[in-house]
Structures are given as structure tokens and as C-alpha cells.
C-alpha atoms as a PDB file:
ATOM      1  CA  MET A   1      93.467 -89.128  58.663  1.00  0.00           C
ATOM      2  CA  ALA A   2      92.966 -92.577  57.150  1.00  0.00           C
ATOM      3  CA  SER A   3      95.869 -94.987  56.817  1.00  0.00           C
ATOM      4  CA  PHE A   4      96.804 -97.904  54.625  1.00  0.00           C
ATOM      5  CA  ILE A   5      99.901-100.135  54.346  1.00  0.00           C
ATOM      6  CA  VAL A   6     102.966-100.152  52.064  1.00  0.00           C
ATOM      7  CA  THR A   7     105.392-103.088  51.968  1.00  0.00           C
ATOM      8  CA  SER A   8     108.394-104.274  49.994  1.00  0.00           C
ATOM      9  CA  THR A   9     109.598-107.748  49.084  1.00  0.00           C
ATOM     10  CA  ALA A  10     113.163-106.355  49.176  1.00  0.00           C
ATOM     11  CA  PHE A  11     113.249-105.349  52.859  1.00  0.00           C
ATOM     12  CA  ALA A  12     111.016-105.283  55.931  1.00  0.00           C
ATOM     13  CA  GLU A  13     110.255-102.245  58.083  1.00  0.00           C
ATOM     14  CA  GLY A  14     113.476-101.117  59.803  1.00  0.00           C
ATOM     15  CA  ASP A  15     115.689-103.613  57.953  1.00  0.00           C
ATOM     16  CA  ARG A  16     118.738-102.931  55.797  1.00  0.00           C
ATOM     17  CA  ILE A  17     118.022-102.048  52.188  1.00  0.00           C
ATOM     18  CA  PRO A  18     119.938-104.435  49.896  1.00  0.00           C
ATOM     19  CA  ALA A  19     122.943-102.902  48.087  1.00  0.00           C
ATOM     20  CA  ARG A  20     121.351-103.400  44.633  1.00  0.00           C
ATOM     21  CA  TYR A  21     119.094-100.419  45.455  1.00  0.00           C
ATOM     22  CA  ALA A  22     122.008 -98.144  46.468  1.00  0.00           C
ATOM     23  CA  HIS A  23     123.259 -95.295  44.287  1.00  0.00           C
ATOM     24  CA  ASP A  24     126.775 -96.732  43.986  1.00  0.00           C
ATOM     25  CA  HIS A  25     125.550-100.213  43.035  1.00  0.00           C
ATOM     26  CA  GLN A  26     122.682-100.999  40.614  1.00  0.00           C
ATOM     27  CA  ASP A  27     120.669 -97.937  41.719  1.00  0.00           C
ATOM     28  CA  LEU A  28     117.308 -99.647  41.195  1.00  0.00           C
ATOM     29  CA  SER A  29     114.192 -98.485  42.984  1.00  0.00           C
ATOM     30  CA  PRO A  30     112.913-101.267  45.254  1.00  0.00           C
ATOM     31  CA  PRO A  31     109.656-103.075  44.537  1.00  0.00           C
ATOM     32  CA  LEU A  32     106.788-101.669  46.601  1.00  0.00           C
ATOM     33  CA  SER A  33     103.161-102.673  46.986  1.00  0.00           C
ATOM     34  CA  TRP A  34     100.324-101.223  49.012  1.00  0.00           C
ATOM     35  CA  SER A  35      96.830-101.913  50.201  1.00  0.00           C
ATOM     36  CA  GLU A  36      93.742-100.084  49.001  1.00  0.00           C
ATOM     37  CA  PRO A  37      93.998 -96.353  49.705  1.00  0.00           C
ATOM     38  CA  PRO A  38      91.354 -94.449  51.678  1.00  0.00           C
ATOM     39  CA  THR A  39      87.948 -93.825  50.140  1.00  0.00           C
ATOM     40  CA  GLY A  40      87.983 -90.604  48.149  1.00  0.00           C
ATOM     41  CA  THR A  41      91.574 -90.980  46.931  1.00  0.00           C
ATOM     42  CA  GLU A  42      91.995 -89.306  43.539  1.00  0.00           C
ATOM     43  CA  GLU A  43      95.798 -89.581  43.240  1.00  0.00           C
ATOM     44  CA  LEU A  44      98.734 -91.201  45.004  1.00  0.00           C
ATOM     45  CA  VAL A  45     102.176 -89.649  45.550  1.00  0.00           C
ATOM     46  CA  LEU A  46     105.334 -91.520  46.561  1.00  0.00           C
ATOM     47  CA  THR A  47     108.455 -90.016  48.123  1.00  0.00           C
ATOM     48  CA  CYS A  48     111.735 -91.427  49.402  1.00  0.00           C
ATOM     49  CA  LEU A  49     113.634 -89.172  51.801  1.00  0.00           C
ATOM     50  CA  ASP A  50     116.747 -89.541  53.971  1.00  0.00           C
ATOM     51  CA  PRO A  51     116.256 -87.483  57.148  1.00  0.00           C
ATOM     52  CA  ASP A  52     119.757 -88.387  58.393  1.00  0.00           C
ATOM     53  CA  SER A  53     121.729 -86.652  55.637  1.00  0.00           C
ATOM     54  CA  PRO A  54     124.383 -84.286  57.069  1.00  0.00           C
ATOM     55  CA  GLY A  55     123.102 -81.406  54.913  1.00  0.00           C
ATOM     56  CA  GLY A  56     119.452 -81.867  55.894  1.00  0.00           C
ATOM     57  CA  THR A  57     116.770 -84.143  54.474  1.00  0.00           C
ATOM     58  CA  PHE A  58     117.926 -85.576  51.136  1.00  0.00           C
ATOM     59  CA  VAL A  59     115.381 -86.305  48.394  1.00  0.00           C
ATOM     60  CA  HIS A  60     115.921 -89.686  46.711  1.00  0.00           C
ATOM     61  CA  TRP A  61     112.654 -90.076  44.809  1.00  0.00           C
ATOM     62  CA  LEU A  62     109.505 -88.078  44.083  1.00  0.00           C
ATOM     63  CA  VAL A  63     106.645 -89.670  42.141  1.00  0.00           C
ATOM     64  CA  ALA A  64     103.250 -88.061  41.457  1.00  0.00           C
ATOM     65  CA  GLY A  65     100.292 -88.819  39.236  1.00  0.00           C
ATOM     66  CA  ILE A  66      99.888 -92.388  40.491  1.00  0.00           C
ATOM     67  CA  GLU A  67      96.388 -93.644  39.702  1.00  0.00           C
ATOM     68  CA  PRO A  68      94.437 -94.600  42.860  1.00  0.00           C
ATOM     69  CA  GLY A  69      93.754 -98.101  41.470  1.00  0.00           C
ATOM     70  CA  THR A  70      97.491 -98.806  41.235  1.00  0.00           C
ATOM     71  CA  SER A  71      98.734-101.149  43.952  1.00  0.00           C
ATOM     72  CA  ARG A  72     102.470-101.490  43.287  1.00  0.00           C
ATOM     73  CA  CYS A  73     105.599-100.432  41.507  1.00  0.00           C
ATOM     74  CA  GLU A  74     108.018-102.967  40.108  1.00  0.00           C
ATOM     75  CA  GLU A  75     111.731-103.009  40.864  1.00  0.00           C
ATOM     76  CA  GLY A  76     113.561-100.327  38.906  1.00  0.00           C
ATOM     77  CA  LYS A  77     110.394 -98.676  37.571  1.00  0.00           C
ATOM     78  CA  PRO A  78     108.010 -95.975  38.733  1.00  0.00           C
ATOM     79  CA  PRO A  79     104.321 -96.902  38.830  1.00  0.00           C
ATOM     80  CA  ILE A  80     102.769 -97.056  35.362  1.00  0.00           C
ATOM     81  CA  GLY A  81     101.459 -93.685  34.187  1.00  0.00           C
ATOM     82  CA  SER A  82     103.152 -91.664  36.935  1.00  0.00           C
ATOM     83  CA  ILE A  83     105.540 -88.714  36.630  1.00  0.00           C
ATOM     84  CA  GLU A  84     108.845 -88.320  38.448  1.00  0.00           C
ATOM     85  CA  GLY A  85     110.416 -85.333  40.116  1.00  0.00           C
ATOM     86  CA  ARG A  86     114.023 -84.227  40.510  1.00  0.00           C
ATOM     87  CA  ASN A  87     116.031 -85.872  43.289  1.00  0.00           C
ATOM     88  CA  ASP A  88     118.844 -84.191  45.201  1.00  0.00           C
ATOM     89  CA  TYR A  89     121.425 -85.790  42.890  1.00  0.00           C
ATOM     90  CA  GLY A  90     119.996 -83.379  40.299  1.00  0.00           C
ATOM     91  CA  GLN A  91     118.369 -86.127  38.221  1.00  0.00           C
ATOM     92  CA  VAL A  92     114.760 -86.916  37.397  1.00  0.00           C
ATOM     93  CA  GLY A  93     113.799 -90.297  38.864  1.00  0.00           C
ATOM     94  CA  TYR A  94     115.124 -92.549  41.583  1.00  0.00           C
ATOM     95  CA  GLY A  95     118.558 -92.088  43.138  1.00  0.00           C
ATOM     96  CA  GLY A  96     119.388 -94.708  45.749  1.00  0.00           C
ATOM     97  CA  PRO A  97     121.024 -94.485  49.156  1.00  0.00           C
ATOM     98  CA  GLN A  98     124.596 -93.212  49.324  1.00  0.00           C
ATOM     99  CA  PRO A  99     125.320 -91.937  52.820  1.00  0.00           C
ATOM    100  CA  PRO A 100     128.840 -90.692  53.571  1.00  0.00           C
ATOM    101  CA  VAL A 101     131.287 -93.509  54.310  1.00  0.00           C
ATOM    102  CA  GLY A 102     131.548 -94.066  58.064  1.00  0.00           C
ATOM    103  CA  HIS A 103     128.543 -91.822  58.830  1.00  0.00           C
ATOM    104  CA  GLY A 104     126.580 -94.726  60.280  1.00  0.00           C
ATOM    105  CA  PRO A 105     123.240 -96.074  59.110  1.00  0.00           C
ATOM    106  CA  HIS A 106     120.789 -93.672  57.501  1.00  0.00           C
ATOM    107  CA  ARG A 107     117.021 -94.144  57.353  1.00  0.00           C
ATOM    108  CA  TYR A 108     115.232 -94.103  53.992  1.00  0.00           C
ATOM    109  CA  ALA A 109     111.514 -93.440  54.321  1.00  0.00           C
ATOM    110  CA  PHE A 110     109.326 -94.483  51.408  1.00  0.00           C
ATOM    111  CA  THR A 111     106.064 -92.626  52.025  1.00  0.00           C
ATOM    112  CA  LEU A 112     102.889 -93.043  49.991  1.00  0.00           C
ATOM    113  CA  TYR A 113     100.308 -90.252  50.215  1.00  0.00           C
ATOM    114  CA  ALA A 114      96.632 -90.474  49.295  1.00  0.00           C
ATOM    115  CA  LEU A 115      95.277 -87.202  47.882  1.00  0.00           C
ATOM    116  CA  SER A 116      91.660 -86.050  47.693  1.00  0.00           C
ATOM    117  CA  ARG A 117      92.234 -84.343  44.351  1.00  0.00           C
ATOM    118  CA  PRO A 118      94.642 -84.695  41.437  1.00  0.00           C
ATOM    119  CA  ILE A 119      97.635 -82.356  41.434  1.00  0.00           C
ATOM    120  CA  ASP A 120      99.051 -80.894  38.260  1.00  0.00           C
ATOM    121  CA  LEU A 121     102.811 -81.359  38.105  1.00  0.00           C
ATOM    122  CA  ARG A 122     105.226 -81.957  35.238  1.00  0.00           C
ATOM    123  CA  ASP A 123     108.226 -84.303  35.033  1.00  0.00           C
ATOM    124  CA  GLY A 124     111.167 -82.785  36.883  1.00  0.00           C
ATOM    125  CA  PHE A 125     109.156 -81.112  39.664  1.00  0.00           C
ATOM    126  CA  ASP A 126     110.978 -80.596  42.967  1.00  0.00           C
ATOM    127  CA  ARG A 127     110.114 -81.140  46.624  1.00  0.00           C
ATOM    128  CA  ALA A 128     108.846 -77.561  47.078  1.00  0.00           C
ATOM    129  CA  ASP A 129     106.564 -77.908  44.026  1.00  0.00           C
ATOM    130  CA  LEU A 130     105.198 -81.147  45.437  1.00  0.00           C
ATOM    131  CA  ALA A 131     104.622 -79.752  48.939  1.00  0.00           C
ATOM    132  CA  ALA A 132     102.735 -76.756  47.543  1.00  0.00           C
ATOM    133  CA  ALA A 133     100.599 -78.931  45.251  1.00  0.00           C
ATOM    134  CA  MET A 134      99.708 -81.373  48.068  1.00  0.00           C
ATOM    135  CA  GLU A 135      98.732 -78.681  50.565  1.00  0.00           C
ATOM    136  CA  GLY A 136      95.310 -79.363  52.032  1.00  0.00           C
ATOM    137  CA  CYS A 137      94.547 -82.529  50.076  1.00  0.00           C
ATOM    138  CA  VAL A 138      96.376 -85.362  51.925  1.00  0.00           C
ATOM    139  CA  ILE A 139      93.742 -87.778  53.256  1.00  0.00           C
ATOM    140  CA  GLY A 140      96.057 -90.622  54.240  1.00  0.00           C
ATOM    141  CA  SER A 141      99.623 -91.829  54.227  1.00  0.00           C
ATOM    142  CA  THR A 142     101.680 -94.938  54.834  1.00  0.00           C
ATOM    143  CA  GLN A 143     105.412 -95.512  55.121  1.00  0.00           C
ATOM    144  CA  ILE A 144     108.077 -98.179  55.084  1.00  0.00           C
ATOM    145  CA  THR A 145     111.560 -97.260  56.270  1.00  0.00           C
ATOM    146  CA  GLY A 146     114.740 -99.143  55.527  1.00  0.00           C
ATOM    147  CA  THR A 147     118.330 -98.404  56.512  1.00  0.00           C
ATOM    148  CA  TYR A 148     121.584 -98.292  54.589  1.00  0.00           C
ATOM    149  CA  GLU A 149     125.182 -97.723  55.668  1.00  0.00           C
ATOM    150  CA  ARG A 150     128.496 -97.450  53.834  1.00  0.00           C
ATOM    151  CA  THR A 151     131.588 -98.462  55.804  1.00  0.00           C
END
């Protein structure tokens, strides 16, 4: 599987995500940029998941329909022309970190997937819809993980 690189000007790999991106602050999605995806990429998909949530992996952001020529998303906005899924707050779009107070730092993995074919999803899709649509067509992925803690 081919790989490429995703970065953020807001935080480095493994670093703390600034509070402005947290659910109980400004709740903005962080700026992200990435290198050229693998040859044969027809669509990009972006997810943000918290694997440390007490109730199991928590979905913070699902974005599909990203054109393969796109190389970034601006702060507070999904990539141009993309569609957003439903997060585990029950809203369509980004919902920032909000781990339980005193639960320690949680990891937030922003993963970008390169797909060999376009997938057909509508705004408001969920994680199960996305997983089913992506089955058998992921040709590469990249990830940046930040942490966030509420004390």
C-alpha cells in the first residue's frame, strides 16, 4: 500500500492540539495539508477518530468526496467540494476533542485515505456507511495524531 504525508500548522505529530480546535472552545477543524496521493487515486477521504474514548472509538469528523488534486483544508472548513458525515455528537461536520475531565490525554487521529475509485455517499453519512463504501478500494493512507486533555 502506497503512503503519503499529512501535516498541520496547528500541531506536530504527537503534540497537544490547541484548545481552539476543542469542542468546548471554538470547535474549529485544524488546518491540514498533504503531499501528492498515490498514483491512481480517484478520491480522498478524511477521518478524525478518538480511540481512547471510554465508550469505544469516537467519531469526530468524516469527510468524503475530496478531489485527488486537493492538497489541504483550511482551518474551520472541510476541503472544497467535499461532503461531510455525521460525527458522534450527532451533527454533520467537525466536532472537536472533548474527553471526560480527568480522563487523561486522548489521541485524535486525522487519517487521510486514497481511494482507487470514487464512492457515492451523501451528506450525513455515518462511519458504517463510509467503511462499506471504502471496502476494497483503499490504495494508501497517511495520519497525523494529536492529543488533548481536559483537567
